[in-house]
Amino acid sequence: MGTWGAGNFDSDTAADHLAALADRLVSEVTDAMAGDPVELEPDEYWGTAVPCNLELLLVLVRQGRVGVTLPSPEVIRAWQEIFLGVWERTIDGLEPDPAYKDERRVVLDETFERLAEASAVANGATSL
C-alpha cells in the first residue's frame, strides 16, 4: 500500500475508496438513464438525484484526487439528451413558475456541460 502524503486522500486505500464512491455515483446515473424515463421526471427521485450525482462527480474531479474516473464526454452528452428530453416533456405538467423553469433548465444544461468538459480534460481530449 502506497502513501504519498499526510492528507486524507493521499494513499492507495483512500484512492480505492474514492474510486468506489465515484463508480457508485456513475453507476446510479447509468442505471437511471437506462431505466424507466418516468423515474427521471422532475418530481421523481432520479429527476433530482441525477443532477446531484453529476455535481458531486464534478466536485471530486476538480479536486484532482486520484481514483476519480469520469465517463467519456460522449456518454455524458447522451445522458444530457435523455435527461433533458424527459425534463422538457414533463416540466410543464408541474406548472412551475416560468422564471424557475428557465433558470432550472439552464442549471441542468450547465451541469451536464461542465461535467462533459471536465471529462474531456481528464481524458486528454483536445477539443469537444
Foldseek 3Di string as FASTA:
>chain_A
DDADDDDPQRGPVSLQVVLVVLVVLVVVLVDCLVDDLVCCECVHDVVPSNLVSLVVLLVVVVVVGRNRADDALVVLVVSLCSNVVSHVVHVVVVVDDVVCSVVVSVVSVVSSVSSNVSNCVVVVHPDD
